[in-house]
Amino acid sequence: MAEYHKDMDVVATLNPEEYRVTQESGTERPGTGKYLGNKEPGIYVDIVSGEPLFASSDKYESGCGWPSFTKPLVHEFVNEVRDTTHGMIRTEVRSSHGDSHLGHVFNDGPVDRGGLRYCINSASLRFVHKDEMEGEGYSKYLDQVEDIE
């Protein structure tokens, strides 16, 4: 299994928005994320650690303004943390090894797919297209990525 960790050299290359979201638990403005409309097959990995987080086959259009997924690709790579900021009680999701803030999980997702909505900031993700997954060391997840019509 690949070794994932918070890479400070990568953190140093993040643009201000990526840094604010991943390192300072920020949130990108709704409707602005680069992956919101992405319909290509592949996986989304932590921009800092590279750990695989979500598959394109679990992405759906929720209308919330951020990329939404029904479940993590590898549950062990997504930590859920109680978040009481902004006068709300929410469940924050962070990457396990990179400790990057990813977004939040809510229980208003598609019922037929488990009922969860992982509402994730594009700024915390890097997309690896299905065609590049093997070359980047993610071939074990190819069976979880379907071609999207």
N, C-alpha and C. Protein backbone atom coordinates (compact mmCIF):
# COMPACT_ATOMS: atom_id res chain seq x y z
N MET A 1 0.85 -1.19 0.00
CA MET A 1 0.00 0.00 0.00
C MET A 1 0.89 1.25 0.00
N ALA A 2 0.51 2.20 -0.79
CA ALA A 2 1.29 3.43 -0.88
C ALA A 2 1.29 4.16 0.46
N GLU A 3 2.36 4.87 0.69
CA GLU A 3 2.50 5.65 1.92
C GLU A 3 2.07 7.09 1.66
N TYR A 4 1.05 7.55 2.35
CA TYR A 4 0.56 8.90 2.18
C TYR A 4 0.90 9.70 3.43
N HIS A 5 1.26 10.96 3.23
CA HIS A 5 1.58 11.82 4.36
C HIS A 5 1.44 13.28 3.94
N LYS A 6 1.39 14.14 4.94
CA LYS A 6 1.33 15.58 4.68
C LYS A 6 2.71 16.00 4.20
N ASP A 7 2.79 16.43 2.97
CA ASP A 7 4.05 16.80 2.34
C ASP A 7 4.20 18.32 2.38
N MET A 8 5.09 18.80 3.24
CA MET A 8 5.25 20.25 3.40
C MET A 8 5.78 20.92 2.13
N ASP A 9 6.51 20.16 1.30
CA ASP A 9 6.95 20.71 0.01
C ASP A 9 5.74 20.98 -0.88
N VAL A 10 4.76 20.10 -0.83
CA VAL A 10 3.53 20.31 -1.60
C VAL A 10 2.73 21.46 -1.00
N VAL A 11 2.63 21.51 0.32
CA VAL A 11 1.91 22.61 0.98
C VAL A 11 2.49 23.96 0.53
N ALA A 12 3.80 24.02 0.38
CA ALA A 12 4.46 25.27 -0.02
C ALA A 12 4.08 25.69 -1.44
N THR A 13 3.59 24.75 -2.27
CA THR A 13 3.23 25.08 -3.65
C THR A 13 1.75 25.37 -3.84
N LEU A 14 0.96 25.24 -2.77
CA LEU A 14 -0.47 25.49 -2.89
C LEU A 14 -0.74 26.95 -3.19
N ASN A 15 -1.76 27.20 -4.03
CA ASN A 15 -2.12 28.60 -4.26
C ASN A 15 -2.87 29.09 -3.01
N PRO A 16 -3.08 30.40 -2.87
CA PRO A 16 -3.69 30.93 -1.65
C PRO A 16 -5.03 30.29 -1.30
N GLU A 17 -5.87 30.03 -2.28
CA GLU A 17 -7.17 29.42 -2.02
C GLU A 17 -7.01 27.97 -1.54
N GLU A 18 -6.15 27.20 -2.18
CA GLU A 18 -5.91 25.81 -1.77
C GLU A 18 -5.36 25.77 -0.34
N TYR A 19 -4.46 26.69 -0.04
CA TYR A 19 -3.88 26.75 1.31
C TYR A 19 -4.96 27.11 2.34
N ARG A 20 -5.74 28.13 2.04
CA ARG A 20 -6.79 28.58 2.96
C ARG A 20 -7.78 27.45 3.25
N VAL A 21 -8.18 26.72 2.22
CA VAL A 21 -9.16 25.64 2.40
C VAL A 21 -8.54 24.45 3.14
N THR A 22 -7.40 23.95 2.67
CA THR A 22 -6.85 22.71 3.24
C THR A 22 -6.19 22.91 4.59
N GLN A 23 -5.47 24.02 4.79
CA GLN A 23 -4.67 24.22 6.00
C GLN A 23 -5.37 25.06 7.06
N GLU A 24 -6.33 25.90 6.63
CA GLU A 24 -7.02 26.79 7.57
C GLU A 24 -8.51 26.50 7.66
N SER A 25 -8.93 25.34 7.16
CA SER A 25 -10.33 24.89 7.19
C SER A 25 -11.28 25.90 6.56
N GLY A 26 -10.84 26.49 5.46
CA GLY A 26 -11.67 27.45 4.74
C GLY A 26 -12.69 26.76 3.84
N THR A 27 -13.52 27.57 3.20
CA THR A 27 -14.51 27.07 2.26
C THR A 27 -14.48 27.94 1.02
N GLU A 28 -14.41 27.29 -0.14
CA GLU A 28 -14.45 28.07 -1.37
C GLU A 28 -15.88 28.56 -1.60
N ARG A 29 -16.01 29.65 -2.34
CA ARG A 29 -17.34 30.18 -2.62
C ARG A 29 -18.13 29.16 -3.44
N PRO A 30 -19.43 28.96 -3.12
CA PRO A 30 -20.23 27.99 -3.88
C PRO A 30 -20.25 28.34 -5.36
N GLY A 31 -20.21 27.31 -6.17
CA GLY A 31 -20.29 27.48 -7.62
C GLY A 31 -18.99 27.86 -8.28
N THR A 32 -17.88 27.96 -7.50
CA THR A 32 -16.62 28.42 -8.08
C THR A 32 -15.58 27.31 -8.25
N GLY A 33 -15.79 26.16 -7.64
CA GLY A 33 -14.78 25.10 -7.65
C GLY A 33 -14.54 24.51 -9.03
N LYS A 34 -13.27 24.23 -9.32
CA LYS A 34 -12.89 23.74 -10.65
C LYS A 34 -13.44 22.35 -10.96
N TYR A 35 -13.83 21.58 -9.95
CA TYR A 35 -14.34 20.23 -10.22
C TYR A 35 -15.85 20.11 -10.11
N LEU A 36 -16.53 21.21 -9.84
CA LEU A 36 -17.98 21.17 -9.68
C LEU A 36 -18.67 20.51 -10.88
N GLY A 37 -18.29 20.92 -12.08
CA GLY A 37 -18.93 20.39 -13.29
C GLY A 37 -18.17 19.26 -13.96
N ASN A 38 -17.12 18.77 -13.32
CA ASN A 38 -16.31 17.71 -13.93
C ASN A 38 -17.10 16.42 -14.04
N LYS A 39 -17.19 15.88 -15.26
CA LYS A 39 -17.92 14.64 -15.47
C LYS A 39 -17.01 13.56 -16.04
N GLU A 40 -15.70 13.79 -15.99
CA GLU A 40 -14.74 12.81 -16.50
C GLU A 40 -14.58 11.64 -15.54
N PRO A 41 -14.26 10.44 -16.05
CA PRO A 41 -14.02 9.30 -15.16
C PRO A 41 -12.65 9.38 -14.51
N GLY A 42 -12.59 9.07 -13.23
CA GLY A 42 -11.31 9.10 -12.51
C GLY A 42 -11.54 9.16 -11.02
N ILE A 43 -10.50 9.53 -10.30
CA ILE A 43 -10.60 9.65 -8.85
C ILE A 43 -10.12 11.03 -8.41
N TYR A 44 -10.57 11.40 -7.24
CA TYR A 44 -10.18 12.66 -6.62
C TYR A 44 -9.29 12.30 -5.44
N VAL A 45 -8.10 12.90 -5.40
CA VAL A 45 -7.14 12.61 -4.34
C VAL A 45 -6.85 13.89 -3.56
N ASP A 46 -6.34 13.71 -2.34
CA ASP A 46 -5.96 14.84 -1.50
C ASP A 46 -4.85 15.62 -2.23
N ILE A 47 -5.03 16.91 -2.38
CA ILE A 47 -4.06 17.74 -3.10
C ILE A 47 -2.71 17.78 -2.38
N VAL A 48 -2.70 17.52 -1.06
CA VAL A 48 -1.47 17.56 -0.28
C VAL A 48 -0.79 16.20 -0.18
N SER A 49 -1.55 15.16 0.16
CA SER A 49 -0.95 13.84 0.43
C SER A 49 -1.07 12.86 -0.73
N GLY A 50 -2.01 13.09 -1.63
CA GLY A 50 -2.24 12.16 -2.74
C GLY A 50 -3.11 10.98 -2.38
N GLU A 51 -3.57 10.90 -1.12
CA GLU A 51 -4.38 9.73 -0.76
C GLU A 51 -5.72 9.78 -1.51
N PRO A 52 -6.15 8.62 -2.04
CA PRO A 52 -7.39 8.57 -2.82
C PRO A 52 -8.61 8.76 -1.93
N LEU A 53 -9.48 9.69 -2.33
CA LEU A 53 -10.61 10.07 -1.48
C LEU A 53 -11.97 9.72 -2.06
N PHE A 54 -12.21 10.07 -3.33
CA PHE A 54 -13.53 9.89 -3.92
C PHE A 54 -13.40 9.45 -5.37
N ALA A 55 -14.39 8.68 -5.84
CA ALA A 55 -14.41 8.21 -7.23
C ALA A 55 -15.46 8.97 -8.02
N SER A 56 -15.19 9.15 -9.30
CA SER A 56 -16.15 9.84 -10.16
C SER A 56 -17.50 9.12 -10.17
N SER A 57 -17.49 7.80 -10.01
CA SER A 57 -18.75 7.04 -10.04
C SER A 57 -19.63 7.34 -8.83
N ASP A 58 -19.06 7.96 -7.79
CA ASP A 58 -19.84 8.32 -6.60
C ASP A 58 -20.15 9.81 -6.55
N LYS A 59 -19.80 10.54 -7.61
CA LYS A 59 -20.06 11.98 -7.67
C LYS A 59 -21.46 12.20 -8.24
N TYR A 60 -22.15 13.19 -7.73
CA TYR A 60 -23.48 13.50 -8.27
C TYR A 60 -23.75 14.99 -8.13
N GLU A 61 -24.72 15.46 -8.86
CA GLU A 61 -25.08 16.87 -8.84
C GLU A 61 -26.12 17.08 -7.74
N SER A 62 -25.70 17.71 -6.65
CA SER A 62 -26.60 17.92 -5.51
C SER A 62 -27.26 19.29 -5.54
N GLY A 63 -26.69 20.21 -6.33
CA GLY A 63 -27.21 21.57 -6.37
C GLY A 63 -26.73 22.45 -5.24
N CYS A 64 -25.78 21.95 -4.42
CA CYS A 64 -25.33 22.73 -3.26
C CYS A 64 -24.23 23.73 -3.60
N GLY A 65 -23.63 23.61 -4.79
CA GLY A 65 -22.58 24.55 -5.18
C GLY A 65 -21.17 24.03 -5.00
N TRP A 66 -21.04 22.81 -4.50
CA TRP A 66 -19.74 22.16 -4.34
C TRP A 66 -19.83 20.75 -4.89
N PRO A 67 -18.71 20.16 -5.31
CA PRO A 67 -18.75 18.76 -5.72
C PRO A 67 -19.30 17.90 -4.59
N SER A 68 -20.19 16.99 -4.93
CA SER A 68 -20.83 16.13 -3.93
C SER A 68 -20.62 14.67 -4.29
N PHE A 69 -20.38 13.87 -3.27
CA PHE A 69 -20.13 12.44 -3.44
C PHE A 69 -20.98 11.67 -2.44
N THR A 70 -21.36 10.44 -2.80
CA THR A 70 -22.20 9.63 -1.91
C THR A 70 -21.39 8.88 -0.87
N LYS A 71 -20.10 8.64 -1.15
CA LYS A 71 -19.26 7.92 -0.19
C LYS A 71 -17.79 8.11 -0.54
N PRO A 72 -16.91 7.92 0.45
CA PRO A 72 -15.47 7.96 0.16
C PRO A 72 -15.05 6.72 -0.63
N LEU A 73 -13.99 6.87 -1.38
CA LEU A 73 -13.40 5.75 -2.10
C LEU A 73 -12.79 4.76 -1.11
N VAL A 74 -12.04 5.29 -0.15
CA VAL A 74 -11.43 4.49 0.92
C VAL A 74 -11.82 5.14 2.24
N HIS A 75 -12.71 4.51 2.98
CA HIS A 75 -13.23 5.11 4.22
C HIS A 75 -12.11 5.46 5.21
N GLU A 76 -11.06 4.65 5.25
CA GLU A 76 -9.97 4.91 6.19
C GLU A 76 -9.21 6.20 5.89
N PHE A 77 -9.37 6.74 4.69
CA PHE A 77 -8.65 7.96 4.30
C PHE A 77 -9.46 9.22 4.57
N VAL A 78 -10.70 9.06 5.06
CA VAL A 78 -11.55 10.22 5.33
C VAL A 78 -11.98 10.19 6.79
N ASN A 79 -11.49 11.15 7.56
CA ASN A 79 -11.86 11.28 8.98
C ASN A 79 -13.06 12.20 9.11
N GLU A 80 -13.96 11.84 10.00
CA GLU A 80 -15.12 12.69 10.28
C GLU A 80 -14.94 13.29 11.67
N VAL A 81 -15.07 14.61 11.75
CA VAL A 81 -14.81 15.34 12.98
C VAL A 81 -15.99 16.26 13.28
N ARG A 82 -16.43 16.30 14.53
CA ARG A 82 -17.52 17.21 14.93
C ARG A 82 -17.06 18.65 14.78
N ASP A 83 -17.87 19.46 14.11
CA ASP A 83 -17.55 20.85 13.84
C ASP A 83 -18.67 21.73 14.40
N THR A 84 -18.32 22.58 15.38
CA THR A 84 -19.34 23.44 15.99
C THR A 84 -19.12 24.91 15.64
N THR A 85 -18.32 25.19 14.60
CA THR A 85 -18.08 26.59 14.21
C THR A 85 -19.31 27.18 13.52
N HIS A 86 -19.34 28.46 13.41
CA HIS A 86 -20.40 29.20 12.71
C HIS A 86 -21.79 28.95 13.30
N GLY A 87 -21.85 28.60 14.59
CA GLY A 87 -23.12 28.42 15.26
C GLY A 87 -23.90 27.21 14.81
N MET A 88 -23.24 26.24 14.17
CA MET A 88 -23.91 25.04 13.68
C MET A 88 -23.19 23.81 14.22
N ILE A 89 -23.88 22.69 14.20
CA ILE A 89 -23.23 21.41 14.49
C ILE A 89 -23.20 20.64 13.18
N ARG A 90 -21.99 20.44 12.70
CA ARG A 90 -21.81 19.75 11.42
C ARG A 90 -20.74 18.69 11.60
N THR A 91 -20.56 17.87 10.58
CA THR A 91 -19.50 16.89 10.58
C THR A 91 -18.50 17.26 9.49
N GLU A 92 -17.33 17.70 9.93
CA GLU A 92 -16.25 18.05 9.01
C GLU A 92 -15.60 16.76 8.51
N VAL A 93 -15.14 16.78 7.27
CA VAL A 93 -14.34 15.66 6.76
C VAL A 93 -12.94 16.17 6.43
N ARG A 94 -11.94 15.39 6.89
CA ARG A 94 -10.52 15.70 6.69
C ARG A 94 -9.85 14.45 6.16
N SER A 95 -8.80 14.64 5.38
CA SER A 95 -8.04 13.48 4.92
C SER A 95 -7.25 12.92 6.10
N SER A 96 -7.14 11.60 6.16
CA SER A 96 -6.51 10.93 7.31
C SER A 96 -5.02 11.23 7.41
N HIS A 97 -4.31 11.12 6.31
CA HIS A 97 -2.85 11.27 6.34
C HIS A 97 -2.40 12.71 6.10
N GLY A 98 -3.06 13.40 5.17
CA GLY A 98 -2.68 14.78 4.87
C GLY A 98 -3.25 15.78 5.86
N ASP A 99 -4.27 15.37 6.61
CA ASP A 99 -4.98 16.23 7.55
C ASP A 99 -5.49 17.50 6.86
N SER A 100 -5.85 17.37 5.60
CA SER A 100 -6.42 18.51 4.86
C SER A 100 -7.91 18.62 5.15
N HIS A 101 -8.38 19.84 5.32
CA HIS A 101 -9.83 20.07 5.41
C HIS A 101 -10.39 19.83 4.02
N LEU A 102 -11.41 18.96 3.93
CA LEU A 102 -12.02 18.63 2.64
C LEU A 102 -13.38 19.30 2.46
N GLY A 103 -14.17 19.30 3.52
CA GLY A 103 -15.52 19.84 3.45
C GLY A 103 -16.33 19.27 4.60
N HIS A 104 -17.59 18.95 4.34
CA HIS A 104 -18.49 18.42 5.36
C HIS A 104 -19.34 17.30 4.78
N VAL A 105 -19.87 16.46 5.65
CA VAL A 105 -20.79 15.40 5.22
C VAL A 105 -22.14 15.66 5.87
N PHE A 106 -23.19 15.50 5.07
CA PHE A 106 -24.56 15.73 5.50
C PHE A 106 -25.39 14.49 5.21
N ASN A 107 -26.53 14.34 5.89
CA ASN A 107 -27.36 13.16 5.69
C ASN A 107 -28.54 13.43 4.77
N ASP A 108 -28.35 14.31 3.78
CA ASP A 108 -29.42 14.61 2.83
C ASP A 108 -29.06 14.19 1.41
N GLY A 109 -28.24 13.15 1.29
CA GLY A 109 -27.86 12.65 -0.02
C GLY A 109 -28.89 11.68 -0.58
N PRO A 110 -28.61 11.12 -1.77
CA PRO A 110 -29.56 10.19 -2.40
C PRO A 110 -29.81 8.96 -1.50
N VAL A 111 -31.05 8.76 -1.12
CA VAL A 111 -31.41 7.67 -0.22
C VAL A 111 -31.01 6.31 -0.80
N ASP A 112 -31.20 6.14 -2.10
CA ASP A 112 -30.89 4.84 -2.73
C ASP A 112 -29.38 4.57 -2.81
N ARG A 113 -28.56 5.56 -2.46
CA ARG A 113 -27.10 5.38 -2.49
C ARG A 113 -26.49 5.61 -1.11
N GLY A 114 -27.29 5.41 -0.06
CA GLY A 114 -26.77 5.49 1.30
C GLY A 114 -27.21 6.72 2.09
N GLY A 115 -27.74 7.74 1.41
CA GLY A 115 -28.29 8.90 2.09
C GLY A 115 -27.30 9.97 2.51
N LEU A 116 -26.01 9.82 2.15
CA LEU A 116 -25.02 10.82 2.56
C LEU A 116 -24.63 11.73 1.39
N ARG A 117 -24.25 12.96 1.77
CA ARG A 117 -23.72 13.92 0.78
C ARG A 117 -22.42 14.46 1.33
N TYR A 118 -21.34 14.01 0.74
CA TYR A 118 -20.02 14.55 1.07
C TYR A 118 -19.85 15.78 0.20
N CYS A 119 -19.92 16.94 0.83
CA CYS A 119 -19.86 18.25 0.16
C CYS A 119 -18.39 18.71 0.27
N ILE A 120 -17.68 18.67 -0.85
CA ILE A 120 -16.22 18.77 -0.82
C ILE A 120 -15.72 19.97 -1.63
N ASN A 121 -14.75 20.68 -1.08
CA ASN A 121 -14.13 21.80 -1.78
C ASN A 121 -13.21 21.31 -2.89
N SER A 122 -13.38 21.83 -4.09
CA SER A 122 -12.46 21.49 -5.19
C SER A 122 -11.03 21.83 -4.83
N ALA A 123 -10.84 22.90 -4.06
CA ALA A 123 -9.49 23.37 -3.72
C ALA A 123 -8.70 22.36 -2.90
N SER A 124 -9.37 21.39 -2.30
CA SER A 124 -8.66 20.38 -1.51
C SER A 124 -8.36 19.11 -2.32
N LEU A 125 -8.78 19.11 -3.57
CA LEU A 125 -8.67 17.91 -4.40
C LEU A 125 -7.76 18.09 -5.60
N ARG A 126 -7.24 16.96 -6.07
CA ARG A 126 -6.58 16.87 -7.37
C ARG A 126 -7.26 15.72 -8.09
N PHE A 127 -7.67 15.96 -9.33
CA PHE A 127 -8.36 14.92 -10.10
C PHE A 127 -7.34 14.12 -10.90
N VAL A 128 -7.45 12.80 -10.83
CA VAL A 128 -6.60 11.90 -11.62
C VAL A 128 -7.53 11.18 -12.59
N HIS A 129 -7.37 11.50 -13.88
CA HIS A 129 -8.22 10.89 -14.91
C HIS A 129 -7.98 9.39 -14.97
N LYS A 130 -9.01 8.65 -15.31
CA LYS A 130 -8.93 7.19 -15.42
C LYS A 130 -7.72 6.75 -16.25
N ASP A 131 -7.44 7.46 -17.33
CA ASP A 131 -6.32 7.11 -18.22
C ASP A 131 -4.96 7.28 -17.56
N GLU A 132 -4.88 8.10 -16.52
CA GLU A 132 -3.60 8.35 -15.82
C GLU A 132 -3.47 7.59 -14.50
N MET A 133 -4.54 6.93 -14.08
CA MET A 133 -4.54 6.30 -12.75
C MET A 133 -3.44 5.25 -12.60
N GLU A 134 -3.26 4.39 -13.59
CA GLU A 134 -2.24 3.35 -13.48
C GLU A 134 -0.86 3.97 -13.38
N GLY A 135 -0.55 4.93 -14.24
CA GLY A 135 0.75 5.58 -14.24
C GLY A 135 1.07 6.32 -12.96
N GLU A 136 0.02 6.77 -12.24
CA GLU A 136 0.24 7.50 -10.99
C GLU A 136 0.12 6.60 -9.76
N GLY A 137 -0.01 5.29 -9.98
CA GLY A 137 -0.02 4.36 -8.86
C GLY A 137 -1.37 4.09 -8.24
N TYR A 138 -2.45 4.40 -8.96
CA TYR A 138 -3.79 4.21 -8.43
C TYR A 138 -4.55 3.08 -9.14
N SER A 139 -3.84 2.14 -9.76
CA SER A 139 -4.50 1.10 -10.57
C SER A 139 -5.45 0.23 -9.74
N LYS A 140 -5.18 0.06 -8.45
CA LYS A 140 -6.06 -0.78 -7.63
C LYS A 140 -7.47 -0.22 -7.50
N TYR A 141 -7.66 1.05 -7.87
CA TYR A 141 -8.98 1.67 -7.77
C TYR A 141 -9.70 1.76 -9.12
N LEU A 142 -9.07 1.26 -10.18
CA LEU A 142 -9.68 1.34 -11.51
C LEU A 142 -11.04 0.67 -11.57
N ASP A 143 -11.22 -0.43 -10.82
CA ASP A 143 -12.51 -1.13 -10.85
C ASP A 143 -13.63 -0.33 -10.19
N GLN A 144 -13.29 0.75 -9.49
CA GLN A 144 -14.31 1.58 -8.85
C GLN A 144 -14.63 2.83 -9.66
N VAL A 145 -14.03 2.93 -10.84
CA VAL A 145 -14.26 4.07 -11.72
C VAL A 145 -14.94 3.56 -12.97
N GLU A 146 -16.14 4.09 -13.23
CA GLU A 146 -16.84 3.67 -14.42
C GLU A 146 -16.81 4.79 -15.45
N ASP A 147 -16.90 4.39 -16.70
CA ASP A 147 -17.01 5.40 -17.75
C ASP A 147 -18.35 6.11 -17.61
N ILE A 148 -18.32 7.41 -17.68
CA ILE A 148 -19.53 8.21 -17.51
C ILE A 148 -20.05 8.61 -18.87
N GLU A 149 -21.29 8.32 -19.12
CA GLU A 149 -21.90 8.65 -20.43
C GLU A 149 -22.30 10.11 -20.47
